[in-house]
Amino acid sequence: MAYNYKEKYLLEFLWRYDGSDIFPEETRYGFFPGVMAGWVISQENFMQSLPAINYLKLRGSLGQMGNDQIATYQYLSTYGFRSYILGNVETKTLFEARIPNPNITWEIATNANIGIEGALFNDKVTFEFDYFNNRRTNILWVKNASVPQSTGLTLPAQNIGEVENKGFDALIGYRSSVGDFNFNVSLNGGYAKNKIIFWDEAPGAPEWQRTTGRPMYTVQAYIYDGVFKDQAEINAEKISYSSIVNTLRPGDMKYKDYNGDGKITPDDQVRTDFNNIPTFQGGISVIASYKGFDLNILLQGSAGAKQYVSPGEMGNIGNYLLEMYTNRWTVDNPSSVHPRIANRSDQYFSANNTYWFRSTDYLRLKNMEIGYTLPENLVKKAGMTSLRLYFNGLNLFTISDFNTFDPESSSSTGQYYPQQRIVNAGLTVTF
């Protein structure tokens, strides 16, 4: 249902009533409402005294959607066969392989958004800004953390998870012309960060290792604290490493004793506040033309992510990364910052620690094209309607401190099909 009053006040209601046989009869149907509202401020009488504002609209929405894309029929038991020998005779029987969940129901996404959009100075400047909050509840999750495996139970998924994702999207553009020169520049960007509100965790886990309150897909890692430069530093070390390594050697990493108990143990691993998904992504687009010439440029970038670089893929499995090999600790170059070379994962410091994380922030010239369209009177003499020559380049350069792999890759080992730099030229002919 929609309502529009003088193109100034806009209101729309949406109602969904969905059913799915994935769920039992009692929870099979879900009601998911939504409402959207808009106020075109530029239509108000008091805005007529501001001719610089051509269009201005405030809008907001709130709605819910249900998700039934889950493993099928979890409200039913599954059975398997098992054999026993009784009196030298094999006897087969059925056993319940999965405990059913008769209360399973829809996962729910509640989306809230408020935004403003407008145009200024005879539509030369356009802009949009949106703030959003997406809260997912009833997420299916298995209580494998709080229920010990010693129970022997294969638990069903339950609607216990809750995750929040919020951020903003923005776009601003400017277009103008000076004589035969026309151009259009636009900037766009978005920031989003999710947070786990609740899911199942082991009740005895230290606070600094818990996932609740942190982004999804984070990992635990020891905090890197430098390198043992020589044997004298090892002899002077007061923190015990005996829980993770038998013998320390020069070039080994130091870890921070996070819980302050005088020894390095798995309890000193800390849950990160980041993952390999950027929190900010954006771009700059430039389109320009002058007489027969045209130019199109696209820059893109991201920030806020860190990628784990796996030393387990280095050594006699193939090779070493140049960065690791060049900066390595050696007898002749006893670095206190970079460790010695390890063969694959045969040393304690080859495991997760903050040294192996690299920022993947980058800015890349994704595309650039320069073209020239010949004057119409010239091409018509050759029997053509138009002729355009162009030069195009993809991934021409990248600015990033992450030189190990491509910053757009999420592979920790570099095993992926890389971005290619492509330069080509051509012409377009119309008859």
Protein backbone atom coordinates (compact mmCIF):
# COMPACT_ATOMS: atom_id res chain seq x y z
CA MET A 1 0.00 0.00 0.00
CA ALA A 2 1.42 3.41 -1.00
CA TYR A 3 0.42 6.99 -0.18
CA ASN A 4 1.59 10.15 -1.96
CA TYR A 5 0.50 13.64 -0.94
CA LYS A 6 1.42 16.38 -3.43
CA GLU A 7 4.73 14.67 -4.22
CA LYS A 8 5.93 15.87 -0.81
CA TYR A 9 4.95 13.19 1.66
CA LEU A 10 5.48 9.58 0.67
CA LEU A 11 4.47 6.53 2.64
CA GLU A 12 4.50 2.86 1.72
CA PHE A 13 3.63 -0.28 3.66
CA LEU A 14 4.65 -3.81 2.81
CA TRP A 15 3.36 -7.00 4.37
CA ARG A 16 4.69 -10.48 3.66
CA TYR A 17 3.30 -13.71 5.02
CA ASP A 18 5.59 -16.54 3.96
CA GLY A 19 5.45 -20.27 4.52
CA SER A 20 8.05 -22.98 4.04
CA ASP A 21 7.90 -26.74 4.48
CA ILE A 22 11.48 -26.60 5.75
CA PHE A 23 9.91 -25.87 9.15
CA PRO A 24 7.38 -27.86 11.23
CA GLU A 25 3.72 -26.91 11.09
CA GLU A 26 3.80 -24.90 14.31
CA THR A 27 6.49 -22.49 13.05
CA ARG A 28 6.02 -22.83 9.28
CA TYR A 29 4.64 -19.36 8.60
CA GLY A 30 6.19 -16.00 9.26
CA PHE A 31 4.87 -12.43 9.04
CA PHE A 32 7.42 -9.89 7.82
CA PRO A 33 6.25 -6.25 7.68
CA GLY A 34 7.96 -3.18 6.33
CA VAL A 35 7.39 0.56 6.14
CA MET A 36 9.05 3.28 4.05
CA ALA A 37 8.61 7.02 4.34
CA GLY A 38 9.92 10.00 2.41
CA TRP A 39 9.76 13.77 2.72
CA VAL A 40 10.63 15.83 -0.36
CA ILE A 41 11.75 18.93 1.50
CA SER A 42 12.47 20.88 -1.68
CA GLN A 43 8.72 20.87 -2.45
CA GLU A 44 7.92 22.89 0.66
CA ASN A 45 7.09 26.59 0.25
CA PHE A 46 9.82 27.71 2.62
CA MET A 47 12.44 26.13 0.31
CA GLN A 48 11.51 28.33 -2.65
CA SER A 49 13.74 31.10 -1.30
CA LEU A 50 16.75 28.79 -1.70
CA PRO A 51 17.18 28.45 -5.47
CA ALA A 52 20.55 26.73 -5.07
CA ILE A 53 18.75 23.62 -3.77
CA ASN A 54 17.04 21.94 -6.72
CA TYR A 55 16.06 18.76 -4.92
CA LEU A 56 16.23 17.56 -1.33
CA LYS A 57 14.64 14.42 0.06
CA LEU A 58 14.76 12.77 3.47
CA ARG A 59 13.84 9.09 3.55
CA GLY A 60 13.79 6.16 5.91
CA SER A 61 12.71 2.55 6.05
CA LEU A 62 12.26 -0.27 8.53
CA GLY A 63 11.42 -3.82 7.56
CA GLN A 64 11.93 -7.50 8.13
CA MET A 65 12.73 -10.46 5.91
CA GLY A 66 12.76 -14.15 6.72
CA ASN A 67 15.34 -16.72 5.64
CA ASP A 68 14.57 -20.39 5.09
CA GLN A 69 17.73 -21.28 3.14
CA ILE A 70 18.95 -23.83 5.66
CA ALA A 71 19.62 -27.56 5.83
CA THR A 72 16.35 -29.33 5.15
CA TYR A 73 13.89 -30.83 7.62
CA GLN A 74 15.88 -30.38 10.82
CA TYR A 75 12.69 -30.92 12.81
CA LEU A 76 12.86 -34.61 11.83
CA SER A 77 15.18 -37.28 13.20
CA THR A 78 17.73 -38.97 11.01
CA TYR A 79 18.69 -42.61 11.53
CA GLY A 80 21.66 -44.79 10.76
CA PHE A 81 22.46 -48.49 10.83
CA ARG A 82 24.67 -50.15 13.43
CA SER A 83 25.73 -53.77 13.75
CA TYR A 84 26.29 -55.89 16.88
CA ILE A 85 27.56 -59.42 17.33
CA LEU A 86 25.25 -61.31 19.66
CA GLY A 87 25.90 -64.99 20.13
CA ASN A 88 28.14 -65.12 17.05
CA VAL A 89 25.29 -63.66 15.02
CA GLU A 90 25.46 -60.20 13.41
CA THR A 91 22.45 -58.15 14.39
CA LYS A 92 21.63 -54.87 12.66
CA THR A 93 19.72 -52.10 14.34
CA LEU A 94 18.73 -48.50 13.79
CA PHE A 95 19.97 -45.63 15.93
CA GLU A 96 19.02 -41.97 16.06
CA ALA A 97 21.86 -40.11 14.31
CA ARG A 98 20.51 -36.58 14.85
CA ILE A 99 18.34 -35.15 17.56
CA PRO A 100 15.47 -33.23 15.94
CA ASN A 101 14.59 -29.64 16.75
CA PRO A 102 10.78 -29.32 16.66
CA ASN A 103 10.99 -25.56 17.36
CA ILE A 104 13.15 -24.56 14.41
CA THR A 105 11.85 -21.48 12.59
CA TRP A 106 12.74 -18.56 10.34
CA GLU A 107 15.93 -16.59 10.62
CA ILE A 108 14.96 -12.90 10.67
CA ALA A 109 16.76 -9.85 9.25
CA THR A 110 15.54 -6.49 10.57
CA ASN A 111 16.79 -3.69 8.35
CA ALA A 112 16.65 -0.02 9.31
CA ASN A 113 17.82 2.78 7.04
CA ILE A 114 17.75 6.56 7.05
CA GLY A 115 19.07 8.62 4.17
CA ILE A 116 19.15 11.97 2.46
CA GLU A 117 19.59 12.76 -1.22
CA GLY A 118 19.66 15.95 -3.22
CA ALA A 119 20.81 18.08 -6.13
CA LEU A 120 22.33 21.57 -5.98
CA PHE A 121 23.26 24.40 -8.34
CA ASN A 122 21.14 23.39 -11.33
CA ASP A 123 21.87 19.72 -10.75
CA LYS A 124 25.64 20.23 -11.02
CA VAL A 125 26.14 18.70 -7.57
CA THR A 126 24.30 15.52 -6.56
CA PHE A 127 24.66 13.59 -3.33
CA GLU A 128 23.29 10.66 -1.36
CA PHE A 129 23.99 9.53 2.19
CA ASP A 130 22.54 6.49 3.96
CA TYR A 131 23.00 5.11 7.43
CA PHE A 132 21.92 1.49 7.90
CA ASN A 133 21.58 -1.00 10.71
CA ASN A 134 21.00 -4.64 9.84
CA ARG A 135 20.25 -6.94 12.76
CA ARG A 136 19.91 -10.68 12.12
CA THR A 137 18.21 -12.71 14.82
CA ASN A 138 17.14 -16.35 15.17
CA ILE A 139 20.32 -17.38 13.36
CA LEU A 140 20.72 -21.15 13.38
CA TRP A 141 23.71 -22.20 15.46
CA VAL A 142 24.76 -25.42 17.15
CA LYS A 143 25.66 -25.44 20.85
CA ASN A 144 28.88 -27.36 20.30
CA ALA A 145 30.91 -24.96 22.44
CA SER A 146 28.91 -25.02 25.69
CA VAL A 147 27.88 -28.69 25.44
CA PRO A 148 30.95 -30.97 25.75
CA GLN A 149 31.60 -33.67 23.17
CA SER A 150 31.76 -36.19 26.00
CA THR A 151 27.95 -36.21 26.00
CA GLY A 152 28.06 -38.12 22.70
CA LEU A 153 25.20 -35.99 21.38
CA THR A 154 24.85 -34.78 17.80
CA LEU A 155 22.97 -31.61 18.54
CA PRO A 156 20.50 -29.92 16.18
CA ALA A 157 20.87 -26.30 15.14
CA GLN A 158 18.85 -23.83 17.20
CA ASN A 159 17.66 -20.27 16.52
CA ILE A 160 20.03 -18.69 19.03
CA GLY A 161 22.40 -16.48 17.01
CA GLU A 162 22.25 -12.71 16.75
CA VAL A 163 24.56 -10.49 14.66
CA GLU A 164 24.51 -6.75 13.99
CA ASN A 165 25.90 -5.04 10.90
CA LYS A 166 25.83 -1.26 10.63
CA GLY A 167 27.49 1.49 8.66
CA PHE A 168 26.93 4.06 5.95
CA ASP A 169 27.02 4.55 2.18
CA ALA A 170 27.77 7.89 0.55
CA LEU A 171 27.92 9.28 -2.98
CA ILE A 172 28.73 12.76 -4.22
CA GLY A 173 29.05 13.87 -7.80
CA TYR A 174 29.89 17.06 -9.69
CA ARG A 175 29.36 17.73 -13.37
CA SER A 176 29.95 20.84 -15.42
CA SER A 177 31.19 22.15 -18.74
CA VAL A 178 33.44 24.97 -19.91
CA GLY A 179 33.05 25.56 -23.61
CA ASP A 180 33.70 22.25 -25.38
CA PHE A 181 35.11 20.69 -22.19
CA ASN A 182 32.64 18.51 -20.26
CA PHE A 183 33.39 16.50 -17.15
CA ASN A 184 31.72 14.45 -14.44
CA VAL A 185 33.48 13.48 -11.21
CA SER A 186 31.90 11.22 -8.58
CA LEU A 187 33.13 9.77 -5.29
CA ASN A 188 31.46 6.87 -3.53
CA GLY A 189 32.27 4.95 -0.41
CA GLY A 190 30.79 2.71 2.21
CA TYR A 191 31.71 1.66 5.74
CA ALA A 192 30.27 -1.42 7.40
CA LYS A 193 31.27 -3.43 10.43
CA ASN A 194 29.49 -6.39 11.96
CA LYS A 195 29.42 -7.54 15.55
CA ILE A 196 28.36 -10.80 17.13
CA ILE A 197 25.69 -10.08 19.72
CA PHE A 198 25.23 -13.71 20.77
CA TRP A 199 26.04 -17.24 19.77
CA ASP A 200 27.25 -20.29 21.62
CA GLU A 201 30.66 -20.06 23.30
CA ALA A 202 32.58 -22.15 25.81
CA PRO A 203 31.67 -20.73 29.24
CA GLY A 204 35.25 -20.95 30.57
CA ALA A 205 36.94 -19.04 27.74
CA PRO A 206 38.87 -15.90 28.81
CA GLU A 207 37.24 -12.62 27.90
CA TRP A 208 40.03 -11.74 25.44
CA GLN A 209 39.35 -14.92 23.47
CA ARG A 210 35.60 -14.62 23.20
CA THR A 211 33.93 -13.88 19.87
CA THR A 212 30.88 -12.14 21.34
CA GLY A 213 31.13 -8.41 20.78
CA ARG A 214 33.67 -8.80 17.97
CA PRO A 215 33.33 -9.10 14.18
CA MET A 216 32.61 -12.43 12.54
CA TYR A 217 35.42 -14.57 11.10
CA THR A 218 38.09 -13.33 13.49
CA VAL A 219 40.88 -15.61 14.74
CA GLN A 220 42.97 -16.08 17.86
CA ALA A 221 46.66 -15.22 17.67
CA TYR A 222 49.66 -14.74 19.92
CA ILE A 223 50.81 -11.12 20.10
CA TYR A 224 54.20 -10.82 18.39
CA ASP A 225 56.75 -9.04 20.60
CA GLY A 226 60.00 -9.05 18.63
CA VAL A 227 62.71 -11.65 18.06
CA PHE A 228 65.40 -13.23 20.23
CA LYS A 229 68.42 -11.60 18.62
CA ASP A 230 71.02 -13.88 20.19
CA GLN A 231 71.56 -16.49 22.90
CA ALA A 232 72.18 -13.79 25.50
CA GLU A 233 68.59 -12.55 25.09
CA ILE A 234 67.29 -16.10 25.46
CA ASN A 235 69.31 -16.61 28.66
CA ALA A 236 67.96 -13.35 30.08
CA GLU A 237 64.34 -14.18 29.24
CA LYS A 238 62.20 -14.54 32.38
CA ILE A 239 59.04 -15.77 30.66
CA SER A 240 58.79 -19.53 30.16
CA TYR A 241 58.08 -20.87 26.65
CA SER A 242 58.16 -24.53 27.68
CA SER A 243 54.43 -25.02 26.99
CA ILE A 244 54.85 -24.33 23.27
CA VAL A 245 58.53 -25.17 22.47
CA ASN A 246 61.22 -27.38 23.98
CA THR A 247 64.27 -25.26 23.09
CA LEU A 248 64.50 -21.60 22.13
CA ARG A 249 66.95 -20.61 19.40
CA PRO A 250 68.29 -17.22 18.24
CA GLY A 251 65.89 -15.89 15.61
CA ASP A 252 62.81 -17.29 17.36
CA MET A 253 59.87 -14.99 18.01
CA LYS A 254 58.95 -13.49 21.34
CA TYR A 255 55.30 -13.53 22.40
CA LYS A 256 53.53 -11.24 24.83
CA ASP A 257 52.53 -12.84 28.13
CA TYR A 258 49.00 -11.48 27.87
CA ASN A 259 47.58 -12.90 31.09
CA GLY A 260 50.74 -12.12 33.07
CA ASP A 261 51.30 -15.60 34.55
CA GLY A 262 55.00 -15.70 33.62
CA LYS A 263 54.66 -18.27 30.86
CA ILE A 264 53.47 -18.50 27.27
CA THR A 265 50.50 -20.83 26.95
CA PRO A 266 47.45 -21.04 24.66
CA ASP A 267 45.69 -18.75 27.15
CA ASP A 268 47.89 -15.91 25.84
CA GLN A 269 46.25 -16.03 22.43
CA VAL A 270 44.03 -12.99 21.84
CA ARG A 271 40.97 -12.73 19.63
CA THR A 272 41.55 -10.16 16.87
CA ASP A 273 39.22 -7.23 16.25
CA PHE A 274 39.66 -7.51 12.48
CA ASN A 275 39.32 -10.04 9.67
CA ASN A 276 40.15 -10.14 5.97
CA ILE A 277 36.96 -8.31 4.94
CA PRO A 278 37.45 -4.53 4.42
CA THR A 279 35.37 -2.22 6.58
CA PHE A 280 35.62 0.59 4.01
CA GLN A 281 35.36 0.35 0.24
CA GLY A 282 35.12 3.21 -2.22
CA GLY A 283 36.00 4.61 -5.58
CA ILE A 284 36.49 7.69 -7.73
CA SER A 285 35.11 7.96 -11.25
CA VAL A 286 36.11 10.64 -13.77
CA ILE A 287 34.43 11.06 -17.15
CA ALA A 288 35.56 13.91 -19.40
CA SER A 289 35.36 14.95 -23.04
CA TYR A 290 36.78 17.71 -25.20
CA LYS A 291 35.60 17.97 -28.77
CA GLY A 292 36.40 14.53 -30.21
CA PHE A 293 38.47 13.32 -27.25
CA ASP A 294 37.06 11.38 -24.30
CA LEU A 295 38.52 10.09 -21.03
CA ASN A 296 37.20 7.57 -18.51
CA ILE A 297 39.03 6.80 -15.25
CA LEU A 298 38.04 4.52 -12.37
CA LEU A 299 40.02 4.37 -9.12
CA GLN A 300 38.95 1.94 -6.40
CA GLY A 301 40.25 1.07 -2.96
CA SER A 302 39.51 -0.42 0.43
CA ALA A 303 40.73 -0.22 4.01
CA GLY A 304 40.29 -1.90 7.37
CA ALA A 305 41.21 -5.51 6.55
CA LYS A 306 44.23 -7.64 7.41
CA GLN A 307 45.27 -10.82 5.65
CA TYR A 308 47.07 -13.72 7.33
CA VAL A 309 50.11 -14.81 5.32
CA SER A 310 50.68 -18.51 5.84
CA PRO A 311 54.32 -19.53 6.44
CA GLY A 312 53.09 -23.12 6.18
CA GLU A 313 53.26 -22.75 2.41
CA MET A 314 56.95 -21.77 2.49
CA GLY A 315 59.98 -24.06 2.65
CA ASN A 316 60.66 -27.36 0.92
CA ILE A 317 57.07 -27.38 -0.31
CA GLY A 318 58.18 -24.91 -2.96
CA ASN A 319 59.84 -21.62 -2.09
CA TYR A 320 59.96 -18.63 0.25
CA LEU A 321 58.30 -15.28 -0.17
CA LEU A 322 60.86 -12.65 -1.13
CA GLU A 323 59.83 -10.38 1.76
CA MET A 324 60.38 -13.15 4.33
CA TYR A 325 63.65 -14.33 2.79
CA THR A 326 65.18 -10.85 2.44
CA ASN A 327 64.33 -9.69 5.98
CA ARG A 328 65.06 -13.01 7.76
CA TRP A 329 67.21 -13.34 10.85
CA THR A 330 70.65 -14.79 10.11
CA VAL A 331 73.92 -15.10 11.99
CA ASP A 332 75.34 -12.31 9.85
CA ASN A 333 72.18 -10.21 10.14
CA PRO A 334 70.84 -10.88 13.66
CA SER A 335 67.56 -9.00 13.30
CA SER A 336 65.50 -8.27 16.38
CA VAL A 337 62.41 -7.60 14.24
CA HIS A 338 62.17 -10.46 11.70
CA PRO A 339 62.47 -14.17 12.59
CA ARG A 340 64.69 -16.82 11.09
CA ILE A 341 63.44 -18.96 8.25
CA ALA A 342 61.22 -21.89 9.18
CA ASN A 343 60.56 -24.88 6.96
CA ARG A 344 56.80 -24.98 6.42
CA SER A 345 55.11 -25.25 9.85
CA ASP A 346 57.88 -26.99 11.78
CA GLN A 347 58.43 -24.17 14.32
CA TYR A 348 56.15 -22.77 16.98
CA PHE A 349 56.23 -19.30 15.45
CA SER A 350 54.83 -20.62 12.17
CA ALA A 351 51.42 -20.74 13.85
CA ASN A 352 48.99 -17.85 14.19
CA ASN A 353 50.61 -14.75 15.60
CA THR A 354 50.23 -11.07 14.78
CA TYR A 355 53.54 -10.91 12.86
CA TRP A 356 51.98 -12.80 9.96
CA PHE A 357 49.09 -10.36 9.51
CA ARG A 358 49.41 -7.69 6.84
CA SER A 359 47.19 -4.69 6.11
CA THR A 360 45.52 -5.00 2.72
CA ASP A 361 44.61 -1.31 2.37
CA TYR A 362 45.03 -0.30 -1.26
CA LEU A 363 44.20 2.18 -4.00
CA ARG A 364 44.11 0.81 -7.56
CA LEU A 365 43.71 2.38 -10.99
CA LYS A 366 41.15 -0.17 -12.04
CA ASN A 367 40.38 1.16 -15.48
CA MET A 368 41.43 4.01 -17.76
CA GLU A 369 40.33 4.61 -21.33
CA ILE A 370 41.26 7.38 -23.73
CA GLY A 371 39.42 7.70 -27.02
CA TYR A 372 39.15 9.95 -30.06
CA THR A 373 36.17 10.14 -32.39
CA LEU A 374 36.99 11.46 -35.84
CA PRO A 375 34.93 14.37 -37.17
CA GLU A 376 31.72 13.27 -38.86
CA ASN A 377 32.47 15.02 -42.15
CA LEU A 378 35.69 13.01 -42.54
CA VAL A 379 34.25 9.56 -41.85
CA LYS A 380 31.24 10.13 -44.10
CA LYS A 381 33.57 10.56 -47.07
CA ALA A 382 34.83 7.02 -46.36
CA GLY A 383 31.28 5.66 -46.24
CA MET A 384 31.16 5.37 -42.43
CA THR A 385 28.82 6.86 -39.86
CA SER A 386 31.44 7.11 -37.09
CA LEU A 387 34.95 5.97 -36.25
CA ARG A 388 36.50 5.98 -32.77
CA LEU A 389 40.04 5.02 -31.76
CA TYR A 390 40.71 4.08 -28.14
CA PHE A 391 43.37 2.87 -25.70
CA ASN A 392 42.29 0.99 -22.59
CA GLY A 393 44.12 -0.29 -19.51
CA LEU A 394 42.96 -2.50 -16.60
CA ASN A 395 44.74 -2.70 -13.22
CA LEU A 396 47.42 -0.29 -14.37
CA PHE A 397 48.92 0.35 -10.93
CA THR A 398 48.26 -0.32 -7.25
CA ILE A 399 49.34 1.65 -4.18
CA SER A 400 49.58 -0.69 -1.18
CA ASP A 401 51.96 -1.83 1.56
CA PHE A 402 50.69 -5.37 0.99
CA ASN A 403 53.26 -6.46 -1.57
CA THR A 404 53.13 -10.15 -0.67
CA PHE A 405 50.00 -10.96 -2.65
CA ASP A 406 47.25 -9.08 -4.44
CA PRO A 407 45.43 -6.97 -1.79
CA GLU A 408 42.08 -7.94 -3.33
CA SER A 409 42.76 -11.63 -2.70
CA SER A 410 41.56 -13.38 0.45
CA SER A 411 44.01 -16.27 0.02
CA SER A 412 46.55 -16.67 2.83
CA THR A 413 48.83 -18.77 0.64
CA GLY A 414 48.68 -16.85 -2.63
CA GLN A 415 47.01 -19.78 -4.37
CA TYR A 416 44.50 -17.94 -6.53
CA TYR A 417 44.19 -16.64 -10.08
CA PRO A 418 45.79 -13.19 -9.88
CA GLN A 419 44.51 -9.89 -11.18
CA GLN A 420 45.95 -9.21 -14.62
CA ARG A 421 47.26 -5.95 -16.01
CA ILE A 422 45.77 -5.61 -19.47
CA VAL A 423 46.55 -2.90 -22.03
CA ASN A 424 44.75 -2.89 -25.35
CA ALA A 425 43.90 -0.63 -28.26
CA GLY A 426 41.15 -0.76 -30.82
CA LEU A 427 38.70 1.09 -32.97
CA THR A 428 34.95 1.14 -33.28
CA VAL A 429 33.44 1.64 -36.71
CA THR A 430 29.79 2.25 -37.50
CA PHE A 431 28.46 2.07 -41.05
